[in-house]
Amino acid sequence: MLERHLSVPEVAEFLGGERYVRRLIAERRITFVKDKRRILIAESVVAEYLAARTVPALNQTRRRRAA
């Protein structure tokens, strides 16, 4: 079964801007499919990209400094 592919503006909603997504494509930092003039990116590629750049939260409680 084929996976759903997203257009550049749709991916930009997740990654923060169309210009940024187009730069990722130009620098070949993200996998994409080019169909004639359209550029499509698989949903799993977007999920992998976000997972690879996710920073885990610290489990320590922060102490407030006295002012």
PDB file of N, CA and C in Angstrom:
ATOM      1  N   MET A   1       0.841  -1.189   0.000  1.00  0.00           N
ATOM      2  CA  MET A   1       0.000   0.000   0.000  1.00  0.00           C
ATOM      3  C   MET A   1       0.881   1.245   0.000  1.00  0.00           C
ATOM      4  N   LEU A   2       0.514   2.216  -0.782  1.00  0.00           N
ATOM      5  CA  LEU A   2       1.295   3.440  -0.875  1.00  0.00           C
ATOM      6  C   LEU A   2       1.070   4.347   0.325  1.00  0.00           C
ATOM      7  N   GLU A   3       2.118   5.037   0.652  1.00  0.00           N
ATOM      8  CA  GLU A   3       2.083   5.973   1.770  1.00  0.00           C
ATOM      9  C   GLU A   3       1.623   7.348   1.266  1.00  0.00           C
ATOM     10  N   ARG A   4       1.017   8.117   2.142  1.00  0.00           N
ATOM     11  CA  ARG A   4       0.568   9.469   1.775  1.00  0.00           C
ATOM     12  C   ARG A   4       1.775  10.397   1.669  1.00  0.00           C
ATOM     13  N   HIS A   5       1.790  11.195   0.631  1.00  0.00           N
ATOM     14  CA  HIS A   5       2.852  12.172   0.414  1.00  0.00           C
ATOM     15  C   HIS A   5       2.270  13.579   0.555  1.00  0.00           C
ATOM     16  N   LEU A   6       3.092  14.469   1.060  1.00  0.00           N
ATOM     17  CA  LEU A   6       2.672  15.846   1.320  1.00  0.00           C
ATOM     18  C   LEU A   6       3.400  16.805   0.386  1.00  0.00           C
ATOM     19  N   SER A   7       2.741  17.898   0.058  1.00  0.00           N
ATOM     20  CA  SER A   7       3.372  18.935  -0.751  1.00  0.00           C
ATOM     21  C   SER A   7       4.264  19.796   0.152  1.00  0.00           C
ATOM     22  N   VAL A   8       5.056  20.635  -0.462  1.00  0.00           N
ATOM     23  CA  VAL A   8       5.963  21.503   0.302  1.00  0.00           C
ATOM     24  C   VAL A   8       5.193  22.412   1.265  1.00  0.00           C
ATOM     25  N   PRO A   9       4.099  23.064   0.854  1.00  0.00           N
ATOM     26  CA  PRO A   9       3.365  23.896   1.820  1.00  0.00           C
ATOM     27  C   PRO A   9       2.782  23.087   2.994  1.00  0.00           C
ATOM     28  N   GLU A  10       2.375  21.850   2.740  1.00  0.00           N
ATOM     29  CA  GLU A  10       1.847  21.015   3.818  1.00  0.00           C
ATOM     30  C   GLU A  10       2.949  20.640   4.803  1.00  0.00           C
ATOM     31  N   VAL A  11       4.129  20.326   4.304  1.00  0.00           N
ATOM     32  CA  VAL A  11       5.263  19.994   5.177  1.00  0.00           C
ATOM     33  C   VAL A  11       5.696  21.236   5.953  1.00  0.00           C
ATOM     34  N   ALA A  12       5.595  22.388   5.328  1.00  0.00           N
ATOM     35  CA  ALA A  12       5.992  23.639   5.979  1.00  0.00           C
ATOM     36  C   ALA A  12       5.173  23.906   7.241  1.00  0.00           C
ATOM     37  N   GLU A  13       3.944  23.425   7.287  1.00  0.00           N
ATOM     38  CA  GLU A  13       3.130  23.589   8.491  1.00  0.00           C
ATOM     39  C   GLU A  13       3.759  22.879   9.686  1.00  0.00           C
ATOM     40  N   PHE A  14       4.437  21.760   9.434  1.00  0.00           N
ATOM     41  CA  PHE A  14       5.079  21.002  10.510  1.00  0.00           C
ATOM     42  C   PHE A  14       6.467  21.534  10.840  1.00  0.00           C
ATOM     43  N   LEU A  15       7.196  21.970   9.830  1.00  0.00           N
ATOM     44  CA  LEU A  15       8.604  22.320  10.026  1.00  0.00           C
ATOM     45  C   LEU A  15       8.880  23.811  10.152  1.00  0.00           C
ATOM     46  N   GLY A  16       7.879  24.637  10.014  1.00  0.00           N
ATOM     47  CA  GLY A  16       8.074  26.041  10.326  1.00  0.00           C
ATOM     48  C   GLY A  16       8.292  26.994   9.180  1.00  0.00           C
ATOM     49  N   GLY A  17       8.076  26.595   7.963  1.00  0.00           N
ATOM     50  CA  GLY A  17       8.181  27.552   6.871  1.00  0.00           C
ATOM     51  C   GLY A  17       8.557  26.900   5.557  1.00  0.00           C
ATOM     52  N   GLU A  18       7.955  27.395   4.500  1.00  0.00           N
ATOM     53  CA  GLU A  18       8.195  26.829   3.175  1.00  0.00           C
ATOM     54  C   GLU A  18       9.631  27.055   2.725  1.00  0.00           C
ATOM     55  N   ARG A  19      10.172  28.187   3.068  1.00  0.00           N
ATOM     56  CA  ARG A  19      11.552  28.495   2.687  1.00  0.00           C
ATOM     57  C   ARG A  19      12.534  27.489   3.312  1.00  0.00           C
ATOM     58  N   TYR A  20      12.286  27.147   4.568  1.00  0.00           N
ATOM     59  CA  TYR A  20      13.128  26.178   5.269  1.00  0.00           C
ATOM     60  C   TYR A  20      13.035  24.799   4.608  1.00  0.00           C
ATOM     61  N   VAL A  21      11.822  24.375   4.256  1.00  0.00           N
ATOM     62  CA  VAL A  21      11.628  23.076   3.608  1.00  0.00           C
ATOM     63  C   VAL A  21      12.330  23.058   2.257  1.00  0.00           C
ATOM     64  N   ARG A  22      12.201  24.121   1.493  1.00  0.00           N
ATOM     65  CA  ARG A  22      12.867  24.176   0.185  1.00  0.00           C
ATOM     66  C   ARG A  22      14.390  24.151   0.333  1.00  0.00           C
ATOM     67  N   ARG A  23      14.911  24.739   1.396  1.00  0.00           N
ATOM     68  CA  ARG A  23      16.357  24.677   1.638  1.00  0.00           C
ATOM     69  C   ARG A  23      16.795  23.260   1.980  1.00  0.00           C
ATOM     70  N   LEU A  24      15.986  22.550   2.785  1.00  0.00           N
ATOM     71  CA  LEU A  24      16.291  21.154   3.096  1.00  0.00           C
ATOM     72  C   LEU A  24      16.339  20.313   1.821  1.00  0.00           C
ATOM     73  N   ILE A  25      15.419  20.581   0.907  1.00  0.00           N
ATOM     74  CA  ILE A  25      15.370  19.854  -0.360  1.00  0.00           C
ATOM     75  C   ILE A  25      16.596  20.194  -1.208  1.00  0.00           C
ATOM     76  N   ALA A  26      16.917  21.465  -1.329  1.00  0.00           N
ATOM     77  CA  ALA A  26      18.048  21.898  -2.154  1.00  0.00           C
ATOM     78  C   ALA A  26      19.367  21.331  -1.641  1.00  0.00           C
ATOM     79  N   GLU A  27      19.498  21.233  -0.318  1.00  0.00           N
ATOM     80  CA  GLU A  27      20.722  20.709   0.292  1.00  0.00           C
ATOM     81  C   GLU A  27      20.697  19.189   0.425  1.00  0.00           C
ATOM     82  N   ARG A  28      19.622  18.564  -0.063  1.00  0.00           N
ATOM     83  CA  ARG A  28      19.437  17.107  -0.013  1.00  0.00           C
ATOM     84  C   ARG A  28      19.513  16.565   1.418  1.00  0.00           C
ATOM     85  N   ARG A  29      18.953  17.320   2.356  1.00  0.00           N
ATOM     86  CA  ARG A  29      18.941  16.905   3.756  1.00  0.00           C
ATOM     87  C   ARG A  29      17.665  16.172   4.119  1.00  0.00           C
ATOM     88  N   ILE A  30      16.720  16.083   3.175  1.00  0.00           N
ATOM     89  CA  ILE A  30      15.465  15.387   3.404  1.00  0.00           C
ATOM     90  C   ILE A  30      15.116  14.635   2.106  1.00  0.00           C
ATOM     91  N   THR A  31      14.561  13.440   2.250  1.00  0.00           N
ATOM     92  CA  THR A  31      14.202  12.626   1.097  1.00  0.00           C
ATOM     93  C   THR A  31      12.910  13.135   0.484  1.00  0.00           C
ATOM     94  N   PHE A  32      12.870  13.215  -0.838  1.00  0.00           N
ATOM     95  CA  PHE A  32      11.687  13.719  -1.516  1.00  0.00           C
ATOM     96  C   PHE A  32      11.495  13.011  -2.844  1.00  0.00           C
ATOM     97  N   VAL A  33      10.310  13.175  -3.426  1.00  0.00           N
ATOM     98  CA  VAL A  33       9.970  12.629  -4.732  1.00  0.00           C
ATOM     99  C   VAL A  33       9.649  13.806  -5.638  1.00  0.00           C
ATOM    100  N   LYS A  34      10.230  13.790  -6.826  1.00  0.00           N
ATOM    101  CA  LYS A  34       9.925  14.851  -7.778  1.00  0.00           C
ATOM    102  C   LYS A  34       9.108  14.238  -8.910  1.00  0.00           C
ATOM    103  N   ASP A  35       7.885  14.731  -9.067  1.00  0.00           N
ATOM    104  CA  ASP A  35       6.967  14.260 -10.089  1.00  0.00           C
ATOM    105  C   ASP A  35       6.694  15.426 -11.028  1.00  0.00           C
ATOM    106  N   LYS A  36       7.375  15.418 -12.155  1.00  0.00           N
ATOM    107  CA  LYS A  36       7.320  16.532 -13.104  1.00  0.00           C
ATOM    108  C   LYS A  36       7.706  17.819 -12.388  1.00  0.00           C
ATOM    109  N   ARG A  37       6.739  18.667 -12.054  1.00  0.00           N
ATOM    110  CA  ARG A  37       7.051  19.933 -11.377  1.00  0.00           C
ATOM    111  C   ARG A  37       6.786  19.885  -9.887  1.00  0.00           C
ATOM    112  N   ARG A  38       6.035  18.894  -9.447  1.00  0.00           N
ATOM    113  CA  ARG A  38       5.678  18.808  -8.023  1.00  0.00           C
ATOM    114  C   ARG A  38       6.791  18.148  -7.217  1.00  0.00           C
ATOM    115  N   ILE A  39       6.950  18.606  -5.997  1.00  0.00           N
ATOM    116  CA  ILE A  39       7.861  17.974  -5.053  1.00  0.00           C
ATOM    117  C   ILE A  39       7.001  17.454  -3.907  1.00  0.00           C
ATOM    118  N   LEU A  40       7.151  16.158  -3.623  1.00  0.00           N
ATOM    119  CA  LEU A  40       6.354  15.506  -2.588  1.00  0.00           C
ATOM    120  C   LEU A  40       7.273  14.865  -1.562  1.00  0.00           C
ATOM    121  N   ILE A  41       6.833  14.885  -0.316  1.00  0.00           N
ATOM    122  CA  ILE A  41       7.609  14.306   0.780  1.00  0.00           C
ATOM    123  C   ILE A  41       6.695  13.365   1.553  1.00  0.00           C
ATOM    124  N   ALA A  42       7.162  12.153   1.786  1.00  0.00           N
ATOM    125  CA  ALA A  42       6.370  11.150   2.492  1.00  0.00           C
ATOM    126  C   ALA A  42       6.174  11.561   3.950  1.00  0.00           C
ATOM    127  N   GLU A  43       5.021  11.209   4.498  1.00  0.00           N
ATOM    128  CA  GLU A  43       4.736  11.529   5.906  1.00  0.00           C
ATOM    129  C   GLU A  43       5.767  10.896   6.834  1.00  0.00           C
ATOM    130  N   SER A  44       6.204   9.679   6.522  1.00  0.00           N
ATOM    131  CA  SER A  44       7.182   8.997   7.371  1.00  0.00           C
ATOM    132  C   SER A  44       8.523   9.733   7.383  1.00  0.00           C
ATOM    133  N   VAL A  45       8.877  10.360   6.265  1.00  0.00           N
ATOM    134  CA  VAL A  45      10.125  11.129   6.196  1.00  0.00           C
ATOM    135  C   VAL A  45      10.048  12.340   7.127  1.00  0.00           C
ATOM    136  N   VAL A  46       8.904  12.999   7.147  1.00  0.00           N
ATOM    137  CA  VAL A  46       8.713  14.150   8.041  1.00  0.00           C
ATOM    138  C   VAL A  46       8.784  13.689   9.499  1.00  0.00           C
ATOM    139  N   ALA A  47       8.143  12.563   9.798  1.00  0.00           N
ATOM    140  CA  ALA A  47       8.167  12.029  11.163  1.00  0.00           C
ATOM    141  C   ALA A  47       9.584  11.647  11.581  1.00  0.00           C
ATOM    142  N   GLU A  48      10.350  11.025  10.690  1.00  0.00           N
ATOM    143  CA  GLU A  48      11.742  10.661  10.987  1.00  0.00           C
ATOM    144  C   GLU A  48      12.594  11.906  11.201  1.00  0.00           C
ATOM    145  N   TYR A  49      12.382  12.908  10.370  1.00  0.00           N
ATOM    146  CA  TYR A  49      13.147  14.150  10.492  1.00  0.00           C
ATOM    147  C   TYR A  49      12.895  14.802  11.849  1.00  0.00           C
ATOM    148  N   LEU A  50      11.623  14.862  12.243  1.00  0.00           N
ATOM    149  CA  LEU A  50      11.286  15.455  13.542  1.00  0.00           C
ATOM    150  C   LEU A  50      11.825  14.616  14.697  1.00  0.00           C
ATOM    151  N   ALA A  51      11.738  13.301  14.589  1.00  0.00           N
ATOM    152  CA  ALA A  51      12.225  12.413  15.645  1.00  0.00           C
ATOM    153  C   ALA A  51      13.740  12.530  15.814  1.00  0.00           C
ATOM    154  N   ALA A  52      14.452  12.676  14.707  1.00  0.00           N
ATOM    155  CA  ALA A  52      15.905  12.782  14.763  1.00  0.00           C
ATOM    156  C   ALA A  52      16.363  14.088  15.413  1.00  0.00           C
ATOM    157  N   ARG A  53      15.512  15.095  15.382  1.00  0.00           N
ATOM    158  CA  ARG A  53      15.880  16.397  15.935  1.00  0.00           C
ATOM    159  C   ARG A  53      15.165  16.734  17.238  1.00  0.00           C
ATOM    160  N   THR A  54      14.510  15.738  17.815  1.00  0.00           N
ATOM    161  CA  THR A  54      13.805  15.945  19.071  1.00  0.00           C
ATOM    162  C   THR A  54      14.790  15.852  20.231  1.00  0.00           C
ATOM    163  N   VAL A  55      14.752  16.824  21.091  1.00  0.00           N
ATOM    164  CA  VAL A  55      15.624  16.868  22.260  1.00  0.00           C
ATOM    165  C   VAL A  55      14.801  16.431  23.462  1.00  0.00           C
ATOM    166  N   PRO A  56      15.247  15.382  24.171  1.00  0.00           N
ATOM    167  CA  PRO A  56      14.467  14.908  25.320  1.00  0.00           C
ATOM    168  C   PRO A  56      14.479  15.916  26.473  1.00  0.00           C
ATOM    169  N   ALA A  57      13.393  15.923  27.212  1.00  0.00           N
ATOM    170  CA  ALA A  57      13.278  16.827  28.361  1.00  0.00           C
ATOM    171  C   ALA A  57      14.092  16.283  29.533  1.00  0.00           C
ATOM    172  N   LEU A  58      14.577  17.191  30.346  1.00  0.00           N
ATOM    173  CA  LEU A  58      15.275  16.789  31.564  1.00  0.00           C
ATOM    174  C   LEU A  58      14.252  16.426  32.623  1.00  0.00           C
ATOM    175  N   ASN A  59      14.537  15.413  33.404  1.00  0.00           N
ATOM    176  CA  ASN A  59      13.609  14.983  34.439  1.00  0.00           C
ATOM    177  C   ASN A  59      13.887  15.640  35.785  1.00  0.00           C
ATOM    178  N   GLN A  60      14.813  16.563  35.812  1.00  0.00           N
ATOM    179  CA  GLN A  60      15.134  17.252  37.052  1.00  0.00           C
ATOM    180  C   GLN A  60      14.183  18.429  37.242  1.00  0.00           C
ATOM    181  N   THR A  61      13.858  18.691  38.489  1.00  0.00           N
ATOM    182  CA  THR A  61      13.048  19.873  38.767  1.00  0.00           C
ATOM    183  C   THR A  61      13.977  21.062  38.897  1.00  0.00           C
ATOM    184  N   ARG A  62      13.526  22.175  38.377  1.00  0.00           N
ATOM    185  CA  ARG A  62      14.342  23.382  38.446  1.00  0.00           C
ATOM    186  C   ARG A  62      14.129  24.070  39.784  1.00  0.00           C
ATOM    187  N   ARG A  63      15.188  24.540  40.330  1.00  0.00           N
ATOM    188  CA  ARG A  63      15.105  25.295  41.569  1.00  0.00           C
ATOM    189  C   ARG A  63      15.044  26.762  41.254  1.00  0.00           C
ATOM    190  N   ARG A  64      14.137  27.463  41.893  1.00  0.00           N
ATOM    191  CA  ARG A  64      14.047  28.910  41.685  1.00  0.00           C
ATOM    192  C   ARG A  64      15.079  29.623  42.551  1.00  0.00           C
ATOM    193  N   ARG A  65      15.680  30.586  41.974  1.00  0.00           N
ATOM    194  CA  ARG A  65      16.630  31.397  42.737  1.00  0.00           C
ATOM    195  C   ARG A  65      15.876  32.458  43.509  1.00  0.00           C
ATOM    196  N   ALA A  66      16.357  32.735  44.655  1.00  0.00           N
ATOM    197  CA  ALA A  66      15.766  33.815  45.447  1.00  0.00           C
ATOM    198  C   ALA A  66      16.214  35.139  44.848  1.00  0.00           C
ATOM    199  N   ALA A  67      15.300  36.051  44.715  1.00  0.00           N
ATOM    200  CA  ALA A  67      15.628  37.347  44.098  1.00  0.00           C
ATOM    201  C   ALA A  67      16.184  38.317  45.088  1.00  0.00           C
TER     202      ALA A  67
END
